[in-house]
Amino acid sequence: MDDIALYEAAKAADDGNRIPAEVLYATLDGAHRIKAWRNYRKLTLQALADSAGISKAFLSQIENGKRTGTIAVLSALARALDVPVDLLAE
């Protein structure tokens, strides 16, 4: 494949999603993906919990690995964070 064909193939496969370096480094340092995205979006626990329709305590437990969220909860968090849900799933 020549360079132009490779470029066109890559462009066609691009879904537009990017992971900011701040989020990547936070997760590599051990932060939960939801917490990394929440901090990147500059949201408080309360603000994200309210946006997702869950309690602040439940969100804290998810971020600290004490509980796992259902698909519905992860979907709500993904919508609130404006990211695809697969970027939040562990």
C-alpha atoms as a PDB file:
ATOM      1  CA  MET A   1       0.000   0.000   0.000  1.00  0.00           C
ATOM      2  CA  ASP A   2       1.313   3.430  -0.822  1.00  0.00           C
ATOM      3  CA  ASP A   3       1.340   6.322   1.626  1.00  0.00           C
ATOM      4  CA  ILE A   4      -1.839   7.898   0.288  1.00  0.00           C
ATOM      5  CA  ALA A   5      -3.765   4.629   0.536  1.00  0.00           C
ATOM      6  CA  LEU A   6      -2.476   4.075   4.089  1.00  0.00           C
ATOM      7  CA  TYR A   7      -3.547   7.588   5.048  1.00  0.00           C
ATOM      8  CA  GLU A   8      -7.001   7.124   3.528  1.00  0.00           C
ATOM      9  CA  ALA A   9      -7.445   3.776   5.322  1.00  0.00           C
ATOM     10  CA  ALA A  10      -6.412   5.281   8.660  1.00  0.00           C
ATOM     11  CA  LYS A  11      -8.681   8.286   8.129  1.00  0.00           C
ATOM     12  CA  ALA A  12     -11.646   6.026   7.306  1.00  0.00           C
ATOM     13  CA  ALA A  13     -11.065   3.949  10.462  1.00  0.00           C
ATOM     14  CA  ASP A  14     -10.701   6.996  12.747  1.00  0.00           C
ATOM     15  CA  ASP A  15     -13.562   7.186  15.248  1.00  0.00           C
ATOM     16  CA  GLY A  16     -12.548  10.644  16.453  1.00  0.00           C
ATOM     17  CA  ASN A  17     -11.885   9.553  20.026  1.00  0.00           C
ATOM     18  CA  ARG A  18      -8.686  10.676  21.679  1.00  0.00           C
ATOM     19  CA  ILE A  19      -7.438  10.080  25.201  1.00  0.00           C
ATOM     20  CA  PRO A  20      -5.783  13.217  26.577  1.00  0.00           C
ATOM     21  CA  ALA A  21      -2.303  12.763  28.034  1.00  0.00           C
ATOM     22  CA  GLU A  22      -3.552  13.936  31.446  1.00  0.00           C
ATOM     23  CA  VAL A  23      -6.101  11.094  31.522  1.00  0.00           C
ATOM     24  CA  LEU A  24      -3.619   8.535  30.217  1.00  0.00           C
ATOM     25  CA  TYR A  25      -0.937   9.420  32.767  1.00  0.00           C
ATOM     26  CA  ALA A  26      -3.441   9.431  35.635  1.00  0.00           C
ATOM     27  CA  THR A  27      -4.631   5.927  34.745  1.00  0.00           C
ATOM     28  CA  LEU A  28      -1.058   4.710  34.324  1.00  0.00           C
ATOM     29  CA  ASP A  29      -0.369   6.078  37.811  1.00  0.00           C
ATOM     30  CA  GLY A  30      -3.229   3.955  39.162  1.00  0.00           C
ATOM     31  CA  ALA A  31      -6.215   6.306  39.099  1.00  0.00           C
ATOM     32  CA  HIS A  32      -9.581   4.826  38.184  1.00  0.00           C
ATOM     33  CA  ARG A  33     -10.578   5.760  34.641  1.00  0.00           C
ATOM     34  CA  ILE A  34     -13.724   7.534  35.831  1.00  0.00           C
ATOM     35  CA  LYS A  35     -11.753   9.610  38.317  1.00  0.00           C
ATOM     36  CA  ALA A  36      -9.151  10.472  35.679  1.00  0.00           C
ATOM     37  CA  TRP A  37     -11.849  11.688  33.273  1.00  0.00           C
ATOM     38  CA  ARG A  38     -13.712  13.500  36.072  1.00  0.00           C
ATOM     39  CA  ASN A  39     -10.571  15.392  37.039  1.00  0.00           C
ATOM     40  CA  TYR A  40      -9.802  16.145  33.394  1.00  0.00           C
ATOM     41  CA  ARG A  41     -13.298  17.604  32.969  1.00  0.00           C
ATOM     42  CA  LYS A  42     -12.778  19.556  36.224  1.00  0.00           C
ATOM     43  CA  LEU A  43     -15.894  18.105  37.839  1.00  0.00           C
ATOM     44  CA  THR A  44     -16.405  17.494  41.534  1.00  0.00           C
ATOM     45  CA  LEU A  45     -17.657  14.146  42.782  1.00  0.00           C
ATOM     46  CA  GLN A  46     -20.997  15.784  43.521  1.00  0.00           C
ATOM     47  CA  ALA A  47     -21.303  17.419  40.100  1.00  0.00           C
ATOM     48  CA  LEU A  48     -20.597  14.177  38.234  1.00  0.00           C
ATOM     49  CA  ALA A  49     -22.837  12.139  40.526  1.00  0.00           C
ATOM     50  CA  ASP A  50     -25.691  14.614  40.025  1.00  0.00           C
ATOM     51  CA  SER A  51     -25.180  14.590  36.262  1.00  0.00           C
ATOM     52  CA  ALA A  52     -25.227  10.786  36.158  1.00  0.00           C
ATOM     53  CA  GLY A  53     -28.148  10.457  38.577  1.00  0.00           C
ATOM     54  CA  ILE A  54     -26.268   8.521  41.249  1.00  0.00           C
ATOM     55  CA  SER A  55     -25.180   9.347  44.772  1.00  0.00           C
ATOM     56  CA  LYS A  56     -21.852  10.945  45.557  1.00  0.00           C
ATOM     57  CA  ALA A  57     -21.077   8.035  47.910  1.00  0.00           C
ATOM     58  CA  PHE A  58     -21.720   5.455  45.181  1.00  0.00           C
ATOM     59  CA  LEU A  59     -19.495   7.335  42.724  1.00  0.00           C
ATOM     60  CA  SER A  60     -16.744   7.519  45.336  1.00  0.00           C
ATOM     61  CA  GLN A  61     -16.996   3.774  45.918  1.00  0.00           C
ATOM     62  CA  ILE A  62     -16.732   3.116  42.175  1.00  0.00           C
ATOM     63  CA  GLU A  63     -13.692   5.381  41.850  1.00  0.00           C
ATOM     64  CA  ASN A  64     -12.020   3.684  44.814  1.00  0.00           C
ATOM     65  CA  GLY A  65     -12.682   0.178  43.495  1.00  0.00           C
ATOM     66  CA  LYS A  66     -15.009  -0.817  46.329  1.00  0.00           C
ATOM     67  CA  ARG A  67     -18.007  -1.257  44.001  1.00  0.00           C
ATOM     68  CA  THR A  68     -18.538  -1.704  40.310  1.00  0.00           C
ATOM     69  CA  GLY A  69     -21.109   0.133  38.303  1.00  0.00           C
ATOM     70  CA  THR A  70     -23.737  -1.545  36.177  1.00  0.00           C
ATOM     71  CA  ILE A  71     -23.811  -0.937  32.445  1.00  0.00           C
ATOM     72  CA  ALA A  72     -26.598   1.596  33.039  1.00  0.00           C
ATOM     73  CA  VAL A  73     -24.489   3.486  35.600  1.00  0.00           C
ATOM     74  CA  LEU A  74     -21.378   3.399  33.405  1.00  0.00           C
ATOM     75  CA  SER A  75     -23.458   4.624  30.469  1.00  0.00           C
ATOM     76  CA  ALA A  76     -24.809   7.519  32.530  1.00  0.00           C
ATOM     77  CA  LEU A  77     -21.296   8.416  33.676  1.00  0.00           C
ATOM     78  CA  ALA A  78     -20.008   8.212  30.103  1.00  0.00           C
ATOM     79  CA  ARG A  79     -22.741  10.585  28.924  1.00  0.00           C
ATOM     80  CA  ALA A  80     -21.968  13.001  31.761  1.00  0.00           C
ATOM     81  CA  LEU A  81     -18.248  12.882  30.939  1.00  0.00           C
ATOM     82  CA  ASP A  82     -18.874  13.024  27.175  1.00  0.00           C
ATOM     83  CA  VAL A  83     -16.809   9.905  26.434  1.00  0.00           C
ATOM     84  CA  PRO A  84     -17.653   6.498  24.956  1.00  0.00           C
ATOM     85  CA  VAL A  85     -18.580   3.998  27.660  1.00  0.00           C
ATOM     86  CA  ASP A  86     -15.783   1.635  26.624  1.00  0.00           C
ATOM     87  CA  LEU A  87     -13.242   4.221  27.806  1.00  0.00           C
ATOM     88  CA  LEU A  88     -14.606   3.863  31.355  1.00  0.00           C
ATOM     89  CA  ALA A  89     -14.933   0.083  31.627  1.00  0.00           C
ATOM     90  CA  GLU A  90     -12.138  -1.651  33.481  1.00  0.00           C
END
